[in-house]
Amino acid sequence: MVADTADLDTVMSRERGQGVFFAAMGVIVNIGQALGQFLSLNLLGLVGYQAAGGALRGPDQLWWLRLFYAVLPTALLAVCAWLIWRYPLTAERHGRIRRHLDRRAGLGASMVTERATQF
């Protein structure tokens, strides 16, 4: 999806910016991982879970573990799936964008007069 979005940006801006899209994706992934680790460990600390000793101190902690490591990630994944489902760049639309970019590469950018609004 990142490459498809970069293609759309190339059509609209007439500049190649794929590197920026992939760099931003890498930063977002790293921030997401850091945030996930920070939140999960601190939330477990807030509910009284102690990793030292290797045993749960009560049934409440097991419930919180299930919530933090099963229910919450599943809910977040459902939100992500919904966002992806509603993503407006379809395979057909991307095909038109690719054909446009291929024509532009073959003809030169100055000879292509089509507007990005056609996409």
Protein backbone atom coordinates (compact mmCIF):
# COMPACT_ATOMS: atom_id res chain seq x y z
CA MET A 1 0.00 0.00 0.00
CA VAL A 2 2.90 2.35 0.64
CA ALA A 3 4.23 1.92 -2.88
CA ASP A 4 0.74 2.43 -4.33
CA THR A 5 0.31 5.62 -2.31
CA ALA A 6 3.74 6.81 -3.44
CA ASP A 7 2.68 6.25 -7.05
CA LEU A 8 -0.43 8.39 -6.48
CA ASP A 9 1.73 11.11 -4.93
CA THR A 10 4.07 10.96 -7.94
CA VAL A 11 1.13 11.56 -10.28
CA MET A 12 -0.21 14.43 -8.21
CA SER A 13 3.07 16.19 -7.41
CA ARG A 14 5.06 15.21 -10.53
CA GLU A 15 7.98 14.44 -8.21
CA ARG A 16 9.28 11.08 -7.09
CA GLY A 17 9.02 10.79 -3.33
CA GLN A 18 9.00 7.05 -2.68
CA GLY A 19 11.97 7.30 -0.32
CA VAL A 20 10.09 9.70 1.93
CA PHE A 21 7.10 7.35 2.13
CA PHE A 22 9.22 4.32 3.03
CA ALA A 23 11.31 6.32 5.52
CA ALA A 24 8.13 7.59 7.20
CA MET A 25 6.78 4.04 7.35
CA GLY A 26 9.98 2.88 9.05
CA VAL A 27 9.79 5.67 11.62
CA ILE A 28 6.13 4.93 12.32
CA VAL A 29 6.84 1.21 12.80
CA ASN A 30 9.66 1.99 15.23
CA ILE A 31 7.54 4.46 17.19
CA GLY A 32 4.71 1.93 17.31
CA GLN A 33 6.98 -0.79 18.67
CA ALA A 34 8.49 1.51 21.29
CA LEU A 35 5.07 2.77 22.33
CA GLY A 36 3.67 -0.76 22.53
CA GLN A 37 6.50 -1.95 24.76
CA PHE A 38 6.31 1.13 26.94
CA LEU A 39 2.56 0.92 27.40
CA SER A 40 2.38 -2.84 27.94
CA LEU A 41 5.09 -2.89 30.59
CA ASN A 42 3.80 0.18 32.41
CA LEU A 43 0.18 -0.98 32.31
CA LEU A 44 1.20 -4.31 33.81
CA GLY A 45 3.07 -2.45 36.52
CA LEU A 46 -0.04 -0.38 37.26
CA VAL A 47 -2.14 -3.49 37.89
CA GLY A 48 0.48 -4.93 40.24
CA TYR A 49 2.09 -7.56 38.05
CA GLN A 50 5.66 -8.39 39.08
CA ALA A 51 7.76 -10.51 36.74
CA ALA A 52 10.25 -11.36 39.50
CA GLY A 53 9.42 -14.69 41.11
CA GLY A 54 7.75 -16.05 37.98
CA ALA A 55 4.30 -16.49 39.50
CA LEU A 56 1.05 -14.61 39.29
CA ARG A 57 -0.09 -13.09 42.55
CA GLY A 58 -3.81 -13.50 41.91
CA PRO A 59 -6.53 -14.18 39.38
CA ASP A 60 -6.93 -10.47 38.66
CA GLN A 61 -3.44 -10.31 37.20
CA LEU A 62 -4.17 -13.19 34.84
CA TRP A 63 -7.30 -11.36 33.70
CA TRP A 64 -5.26 -8.19 33.02
CA LEU A 65 -2.66 -10.21 31.12
CA ARG A 66 -5.41 -11.61 28.88
CA LEU A 67 -6.83 -8.14 28.33
CA PHE A 68 -3.49 -6.50 27.51
CA TYR A 69 -2.09 -9.28 25.31
CA ALA A 70 -5.21 -10.69 23.61
CA VAL A 71 -8.31 -8.50 23.77
CA LEU A 72 -6.69 -5.08 23.33
CA PRO A 73 -4.47 -6.10 20.37
CA THR A 74 -7.44 -7.82 18.71
CA ALA A 75 -9.55 -4.67 19.05
CA LEU A 76 -6.76 -2.51 17.64
CA LEU A 77 -6.27 -4.94 14.76
CA ALA A 78 -10.00 -4.76 13.99
CA VAL A 79 -9.75 -0.96 13.78
CA CYS A 80 -6.76 -1.28 11.42
CA ALA A 81 -8.61 -3.80 9.26
CA TRP A 82 -11.57 -1.42 9.02
CA LEU A 83 -9.27 1.44 7.96
CA ILE A 84 -7.60 -0.73 5.32
CA TRP A 85 -11.00 -1.90 4.03
CA ARG A 86 -12.01 1.74 3.51
CA TYR A 87 -8.74 2.68 1.79
CA PRO A 88 -9.78 4.52 -1.39
CA LEU A 89 -6.94 3.36 -3.65
CA THR A 90 -8.31 0.25 -5.37
CA ALA A 91 -6.44 -2.12 -7.70
CA GLU A 92 -8.30 -0.67 -10.69
CA ARG A 93 -7.44 2.91 -9.74
CA HIS A 94 -3.82 1.98 -9.12
CA GLY A 95 -3.68 0.31 -12.53
CA ARG A 96 -4.74 3.59 -14.15
CA ILE A 97 -2.09 5.42 -12.13
CA ARG A 98 0.62 2.95 -13.18
CA ARG A 99 -0.35 3.24 -16.85
CA HIS A 100 -0.21 7.02 -16.55
CA LEU A 101 3.23 6.89 -14.92
CA ASP A 102 4.47 4.45 -17.57
CA ARG A 103 3.24 6.75 -20.34
CA ARG A 104 4.82 9.75 -18.66
CA ALA A 105 8.14 7.93 -18.35
CA GLY A 106 8.02 7.04 -22.04
CA LEU A 107 6.92 10.46 -23.29
CA GLY A 108 8.66 12.79 -20.89
CA ALA A 109 6.94 14.77 -18.17
CA SER A 110 6.53 17.90 -20.30
CA MET A 111 4.42 16.10 -22.93
CA VAL A 112 1.87 14.64 -20.51
CA THR A 113 -0.95 17.08 -19.83
CA GLU A 114 -3.40 14.84 -17.96
CA ARG A 115 -4.44 16.08 -14.58
CA ALA A 116 -4.26 14.02 -11.38
CA THR A 117 -7.95 14.72 -10.82
CA GLN A 118 -8.75 12.09 -13.46
CA PHE A 119 -7.67 9.50 -10.93
